[in-house]
C-alpha atoms as a PDB file:
ATOM      1  CA  MET A   1     233.232 166.746 263.365  1.00  0.00           C
ATOM      2  CA  SER A   2     231.336 165.266 266.244  1.00  0.00           C
ATOM      3  CA  GLY A   3     228.434 165.982 268.511  1.00  0.00           C
ATOM      4  CA  MET A   4     225.905 163.665 266.909  1.00  0.00           C
ATOM      5  CA  GLN A   5     224.158 160.980 268.963  1.00  0.00           C
ATOM      6  CA  ASN A   6     222.166 157.988 267.808  1.00  0.00           C
ATOM      7  CA  PRO A   7     219.822 156.168 270.226  1.00  0.00           C
ATOM      8  CA  ASP A   8     220.225 152.928 268.237  1.00  0.00           C
ATOM      9  CA  PHE A   9     223.879 152.795 269.277  1.00  0.00           C
ATOM     10  CA  THR A  10     222.964 152.907 272.983  1.00  0.00           C
ATOM     11  CA  ARG A  11     220.158 150.359 272.509  1.00  0.00           C
ATOM     12  CA  ILE A  12     222.433 147.900 270.672  1.00  0.00           C
ATOM     13  CA  GLY A  13     225.315 148.640 273.040  1.00  0.00           C
ATOM     14  CA  ARG A  14     223.120 147.621 275.979  1.00  0.00           C
ATOM     15  CA  ARG A  15     222.213 144.368 274.248  1.00  0.00           C
ATOM     16  CA  LEU A  16     225.896 143.653 273.607  1.00  0.00           C
ATOM     17  CA  PHE A  17     226.694 144.235 277.297  1.00  0.00           C
ATOM     18  CA  ASN A  18     223.698 142.270 278.561  1.00  0.00           C
ATOM     19  CA  GLU A  19     224.655 139.267 276.437  1.00  0.00           C
ATOM     20  CA  GLY A  20     228.313 139.447 277.469  1.00  0.00           C
ATOM     21  CA  LEU A  21     229.461 140.191 273.920  1.00  0.00           C
ATOM     22  CA  VAL A  22     231.506 143.183 275.092  1.00  0.00           C
ATOM     23  CA  GLY A  23     232.950 144.193 278.425  1.00  0.00           C
ATOM     24  CA  GLY A  24     234.362 147.409 279.790  1.00  0.00           C
ATOM     25  CA  ASN A  25     235.056 149.869 277.016  1.00  0.00           C
ATOM     26  CA  PHE A  26     235.848 147.214 274.407  1.00  0.00           C
ATOM     27  CA  GLY A  27     234.288 147.231 270.956  1.00  0.00           C
ATOM     28  CA  ASN A  28     232.905 149.864 268.625  1.00  0.00           C
ATOM     29  CA  MET A  29     230.095 150.502 266.166  1.00  0.00           C
ATOM     30  CA  SER A  30     229.540 152.631 263.099  1.00  0.00           C
ATOM     31  CA  ILE A  31     226.995 153.472 260.433  1.00  0.00           C
ATOM     32  CA  ARG A  32     227.519 154.766 256.931  1.00  0.00           C
ATOM     33  CA  SER A  33     226.534 158.422 256.426  1.00  0.00           C
ATOM     34  CA  ASP A  34     226.258 160.734 253.425  1.00  0.00           C
ATOM     35  CA  ASN A  35     229.945 161.261 252.753  1.00  0.00           C
ATOM     36  CA  GLY A  36     231.591 158.968 255.268  1.00  0.00           C
ATOM     37  CA  TYR A  37     230.561 157.232 258.452  1.00  0.00           C
ATOM     38  CA  LEU A  38     229.731 157.859 262.108  1.00  0.00           C
ATOM     39  CA  ILE A  39     231.773 155.833 264.608  1.00  0.00           C
ATOM     40  CA  THR A  40     231.920 155.494 268.384  1.00  0.00           C
ATOM     41  CA  ARG A  41     234.652 157.264 270.272  1.00  0.00           C
ATOM     42  CA  SER A  42     237.818 155.515 271.365  1.00  0.00           C
ATOM     43  CA  GLY A  43     237.339 154.215 274.902  1.00  0.00           C
ATOM     44  CA  SER A  44     233.587 154.782 274.961  1.00  0.00           C
ATOM     45  CA  TYR A  45     231.279 152.333 276.703  1.00  0.00           C
ATOM     46  CA  LEU A  46     228.934 150.904 274.101  1.00  0.00           C
ATOM     47  CA  ASP A  47     225.945 150.870 276.464  1.00  0.00           C
ATOM     48  CA  ASP A  48     226.288 154.652 276.681  1.00  0.00           C
ATOM     49  CA  ALA A  49     227.932 155.494 273.368  1.00  0.00           C
ATOM     50  CA  GLY A  50     227.555 159.252 273.722  1.00  0.00           C
ATOM     51  CA  GLU A  51     228.615 161.523 270.882  1.00  0.00           C
ATOM     52  CA  LEU A  52     229.709 159.881 267.668  1.00  0.00           C
ATOM     53  CA  ILE A  53     232.610 160.965 265.490  1.00  0.00           C
ATOM     54  CA  ARG A  54     232.064 161.687 261.786  1.00  0.00           C
ATOM     55  CA  VAL A  55     234.891 160.326 259.644  1.00  0.00           C
ATOM     56  CA  ILE A  56     235.183 161.458 256.038  1.00  0.00           C
ATOM     57  CA  PRO A  57     237.515 159.275 253.935  1.00  0.00           C
ATOM     58  CA  GLY A  58     240.418 161.212 252.483  1.00  0.00           C
ATOM     59  CA  GLU A  59     240.351 163.774 255.305  1.00  0.00           C
ATOM     60  CA  PRO A  60     242.305 163.596 258.569  1.00  0.00           C
ATOM     61  CA  VAL A  61     240.624 161.256 261.061  1.00  0.00           C
ATOM     62  CA  PRO A  62     239.169 163.358 263.885  1.00  0.00           C
ATOM     63  CA  LYS A  63     240.748 163.025 267.293  1.00  0.00           C
ATOM     64  CA  GLY A  64     238.809 160.633 269.485  1.00  0.00           C
ATOM     65  CA  ALA A  65     237.623 158.259 266.744  1.00  0.00           C
ATOM     66  CA  SER A  66     237.800 154.558 267.580  1.00  0.00           C
ATOM     67  CA  SER A  67     241.215 153.020 266.981  1.00  0.00           C
ATOM     68  CA  GLU A  68     239.503 150.529 264.637  1.00  0.00           C
ATOM     69  CA  TYR A  69     238.493 153.293 262.179  1.00  0.00           C
ATOM     70  CA  ARG A  70     240.742 151.757 259.483  1.00  0.00           C
ATOM     71  CA  VAL A  71     238.738 148.523 259.565  1.00  0.00           C
ATOM     72  CA  HIS A  72     235.403 150.367 259.375  1.00  0.00           C
ATOM     73  CA  GLU A  73     236.643 152.567 256.551  1.00  0.00           C
ATOM     74  CA  ALA A  74     237.924 149.613 254.507  1.00  0.00           C
ATOM     75  CA  ILE A  75     234.640 147.740 254.967  1.00  0.00           C
ATOM     76  CA  TYR A  76     232.596 150.735 253.778  1.00  0.00           C
ATOM     77  CA  ARG A  77     234.944 151.317 250.847  1.00  0.00           C
ATOM     78  CA  GLU A  78     234.960 147.675 249.689  1.00  0.00           C
ATOM     79  CA  THR A  79     231.402 146.527 250.482  1.00  0.00           C
ATOM     80  CA  GLU A  80     227.768 147.607 250.342  1.00  0.00           C
ATOM     81  CA  HIS A  81     227.274 147.202 254.117  1.00  0.00           C
ATOM     82  CA  ASP A  82     225.827 150.221 255.950  1.00  0.00           C
ATOM     83  CA  ALA A  83     226.511 149.291 259.597  1.00  0.00           C
ATOM     84  CA  ILE A  84     229.297 147.590 261.554  1.00  0.00           C
ATOM     85  CA  VAL A  85     229.476 146.142 265.070  1.00  0.00           C
ATOM     86  CA  HIS A  86     232.889 145.146 266.436  1.00  0.00           C
ATOM     87  CA  ALA A  87     232.681 143.144 269.661  1.00  0.00           C
ATOM     88  CA  HIS A  88     234.793 140.817 271.785  1.00  0.00           C
ATOM     89  CA  PRO A  89     232.572 137.777 272.428  1.00  0.00           C
ATOM     90  CA  SER A  90     234.725 135.482 274.555  1.00  0.00           C
ATOM     91  CA  CYS A  91     233.759 132.093 273.146  1.00  0.00           C
ATOM     92  CA  ALA A  92     234.081 133.283 269.538  1.00  0.00           C
ATOM     93  CA  VAL A  93     237.493 134.774 270.365  1.00  0.00           C
ATOM     94  CA  ALA A  94     238.534 131.454 271.964  1.00  0.00           C
ATOM     95  CA  ALA A  95     237.365 129.573 268.852  1.00  0.00           C
ATOM     96  CA  SER A  96     239.436 131.914 266.678  1.00  0.00           C
ATOM     97  CA  LEU A  97     242.568 130.903 268.576  1.00  0.00           C
ATOM     98  CA  LEU A  98     241.998 127.249 267.704  1.00  0.00           C
ATOM     99  CA  MET A  99     240.420 127.333 264.250  1.00  0.00           C
ATOM    100  CA  ASP A 100     241.053 129.080 260.934  1.00  0.00           C
ATOM    101  CA  GLN A 101     237.397 128.781 260.030  1.00  0.00           C
ATOM    102  CA  ILE A 102     234.426 128.195 262.289  1.00  0.00           C
ATOM    103  CA  ILE A 103     231.763 125.916 260.855  1.00  0.00           C
ATOM    104  CA  PRO A 104     228.570 126.247 262.928  1.00  0.00           C
ATOM    105  CA  ILE A 105     226.723 123.013 263.716  1.00  0.00           C
ATOM    106  CA  ASP A 106     223.601 124.681 265.153  1.00  0.00           C
ATOM    107  CA  SER A 107     220.593 125.335 262.925  1.00  0.00           C
ATOM    108  CA  GLU A 108     220.747 129.154 263.093  1.00  0.00           C
ATOM    109  CA  GLY A 109     224.458 129.202 262.341  1.00  0.00           C
ATOM    110  CA  GLU A 110     224.106 126.749 259.453  1.00  0.00           C
ATOM    111  CA  MET A 111     221.276 128.806 257.980  1.00  0.00           C
ATOM    112  CA  LEU A 112     222.550 132.375 258.455  1.00  0.00           C
ATOM    113  CA  CYS A 113     226.333 132.031 258.342  1.00  0.00           C
ATOM    114  CA  PRO A 114     227.448 128.500 257.448  1.00  0.00           C
ATOM    115  CA  GLU A 115     231.112 129.404 257.771  1.00  0.00           C
ATOM    116  CA  ILE A 116     232.845 132.122 259.738  1.00  0.00           C
ATOM    117  CA  SER A 117     236.323 133.048 258.546  1.00  0.00           C
ATOM    118  CA  VAL A 118     239.130 133.894 260.942  1.00  0.00           C
ATOM    119  CA  VAL A 119     241.625 136.523 259.764  1.00  0.00           C
ATOM    120  CA  GLU A 120     244.979 137.815 260.949  1.00  0.00           C
ATOM    121  CA  GLY A 121     246.076 141.337 261.755  1.00  0.00           C
ATOM    122  CA  VAL A 122     247.027 143.545 264.660  1.00  0.00           C
ATOM    123  CA  PRO A 123     244.003 145.404 266.084  1.00  0.00           C
ATOM    124  CA  GLY A 124     243.532 148.735 264.311  1.00  0.00           C
ATOM    125  CA  SER A 125     246.055 147.907 261.584  1.00  0.00           C
ATOM    126  CA  GLN A 126     245.710 148.330 257.845  1.00  0.00           C
ATOM    127  CA  GLU A 127     246.407 144.597 257.462  1.00  0.00           C
ATOM    128  CA  LEU A 128     243.409 143.750 259.638  1.00  0.00           C
ATOM    129  CA  ALA A 129     241.301 146.302 257.760  1.00  0.00           C
ATOM    130  CA  GLU A 130     242.090 144.755 254.387  1.00  0.00           C
ATOM    131  CA  ASN A 131     241.626 141.178 255.620  1.00  0.00           C
ATOM    132  CA  CYS A 132     238.237 141.938 257.189  1.00  0.00           C
ATOM    133  CA  ALA A 133     236.978 143.914 254.189  1.00  0.00           C
ATOM    134  CA  ASP A 134     237.995 141.113 251.839  1.00  0.00           C
ATOM    135  CA  ILE A 135     235.899 138.541 253.742  1.00  0.00           C
ATOM    136  CA  LEU A 136     232.975 140.931 254.289  1.00  0.00           C
ATOM    137  CA  LYS A 137     232.599 141.435 250.526  1.00  0.00           C
ATOM    138  CA  LYS A 138     230.830 138.071 250.535  1.00  0.00           C
ATOM    139  CA  SER A 139     229.781 137.602 254.159  1.00  0.00           C
ATOM    140  CA  ASN A 140     228.308 139.423 257.141  1.00  0.00           C
ATOM    141  CA  LEU A 141     230.748 138.143 259.727  1.00  0.00           C
ATOM    142  CA  VAL A 142     234.465 137.673 260.315  1.00  0.00           C
ATOM    143  CA  ILE A 143     236.585 137.077 263.414  1.00  0.00           C
ATOM    144  CA  ALA A 144     239.968 138.702 263.941  1.00  0.00           C
ATOM    145  CA  ARG A 145     242.097 135.979 265.527  1.00  0.00           C
ATOM    146  CA  GLY A 146     242.341 136.424 269.286  1.00  0.00           C
ATOM    147  CA  HIS A 147     240.645 139.808 269.093  1.00  0.00           C
ATOM    148  CA  GLY A 148     236.958 139.882 268.190  1.00  0.00           C
ATOM    149  CA  THR A 149     234.177 139.862 265.647  1.00  0.00           C
ATOM    150  CA  PHE A 150     233.395 142.351 262.918  1.00  0.00           C
ATOM    151  CA  ALA A 151     229.789 142.019 261.789  1.00  0.00           C
ATOM    152  CA  ALA A 152     228.525 144.129 258.909  1.00  0.00           C
ATOM    153  CA  ALA A 153     225.032 144.440 257.496  1.00  0.00           C
ATOM    154  CA  LYS A 154     222.379 146.815 256.181  1.00  0.00           C
ATOM    155  CA  THR A 155     221.431 148.000 259.697  1.00  0.00           C
ATOM    156  CA  ILE A 156     223.048 148.155 263.109  1.00  0.00           C
ATOM    157  CA  ASP A 157     220.389 145.692 264.350  1.00  0.00           C
ATOM    158  CA  GLU A 158     221.380 143.132 261.710  1.00  0.00           C
ATOM    159  CA  ALA A 159     225.075 143.589 262.495  1.00  0.00           C
ATOM    160  CA  TYR A 160     224.280 142.978 266.176  1.00  0.00           C
ATOM    161  CA  LEU A 161     222.398 139.773 265.265  1.00  0.00           C
ATOM    162  CA  PHE A 162     225.427 138.428 263.381  1.00  0.00           C
ATOM    163  CA  THR A 163     227.611 139.280 266.391  1.00  0.00           C
ATOM    164  CA  SER A 164     225.264 137.335 268.646  1.00  0.00           C
ATOM    165  CA  LEU A 165     225.213 134.471 266.137  1.00  0.00           C
ATOM    166  CA  ALA A 166     229.021 134.170 266.222  1.00  0.00           C
ATOM    167  CA  GLU A 167     228.981 133.751 269.984  1.00  0.00           C
ATOM    168  CA  HIS A 168     226.025 131.345 269.951  1.00  0.00           C
ATOM    169  CA  ALA A 169     227.597 129.120 267.267  1.00  0.00           C
ATOM    170  CA  SER A 170     230.937 129.123 269.104  1.00  0.00           C
ATOM    171  CA  ARG A 171     229.284 128.206 272.412  1.00  0.00           C
ATOM    172  CA  VAL A 172     227.445 125.306 270.784  1.00  0.00           C
ATOM    173  CA  LEU A 173     230.754 124.022 269.405  1.00  0.00           C
ATOM    174  CA  PHE A 174     232.354 124.391 272.834  1.00  0.00           C
ATOM    175  CA  TYR A 175     229.490 122.800 274.787  1.00  0.00           C
ATOM    176  CA  THR A 176     229.436 119.824 272.426  1.00  0.00           C
ATOM    177  CA  GLY A 177     233.215 119.291 272.654  1.00  0.00           C
ATOM    178  CA  HIS A 178     233.956 120.412 269.111  1.00  0.00           C
ATOM    179  CA  PHE A 179     236.623 123.027 269.776  1.00  0.00           C
ATOM    180  CA  THR A 180     239.761 121.671 268.126  1.00  0.00           C
ATOM    181  CA  LYS A 181     243.033 122.870 266.641  1.00  0.00           C
ATOM    182  CA  ASN A 182     242.835 120.051 264.119  1.00  0.00           C
ATOM    183  CA  PRO A 183     240.949 121.370 261.062  1.00  0.00           C
ATOM    184  CA  ASP A 184     240.373 117.866 259.669  1.00  0.00           C
ATOM    185  CA  ALA A 185     238.783 116.750 262.939  1.00  0.00           C
ATOM    186  CA  HIS A 186     236.552 119.846 262.911  1.00  0.00           C
ATOM    187  CA  ARG A 187     235.460 119.142 259.315  1.00  0.00           C
ATOM    188  CA  GLU A 188     234.794 115.491 260.192  1.00  0.00           C
ATOM    189  CA  ILE A 189     232.634 116.527 263.145  1.00  0.00           C
ATOM    190  CA  VAL A 190     230.635 118.870 260.922  1.00  0.00           C
ATOM    191  CA  LYS A 191     230.002 116.068 258.376  1.00  0.00           C
ATOM    192  CA  GLN A 192     228.441 113.837 261.049  1.00  0.00           C
END
């Protein structure tokens, strides 16, 4: 099933592009629906999302659905979140290559997401789906190592805000010289 459009997807997609949180046709978004979820098409540009694909768990995944449908499906199955934004913010991705957990030192990060977990898994894999869903049971944000963020919330706007927060917190760490592979050094910096 497809053919449905949602202007919120285009509006949020434009914000993601304007802030440099996605590039090209990277990333995807979804919202929970009555008996499943609506997800962007594989290869679609998020600033012009076009027709969404309806995925119904337990039924064959329609052709054209984002390759990350497994992650979205696991998050909806395991959590109460109603919207997901998956983006590729460059600084957050860089941080995920150096750290197993990102501890924001900026006030917004400390207040809204005091720790951001980094998980393993090949993009689109069941392993990544399970790892993301496990973290998102108790958080709104996770980073797939070397790949990108998965932000989940009640609305697509809130999921976008957590995506933006991940990049902001990672940039602050970078600009202040706190990117490090040494987890003890990172924890010591945070204590200061």
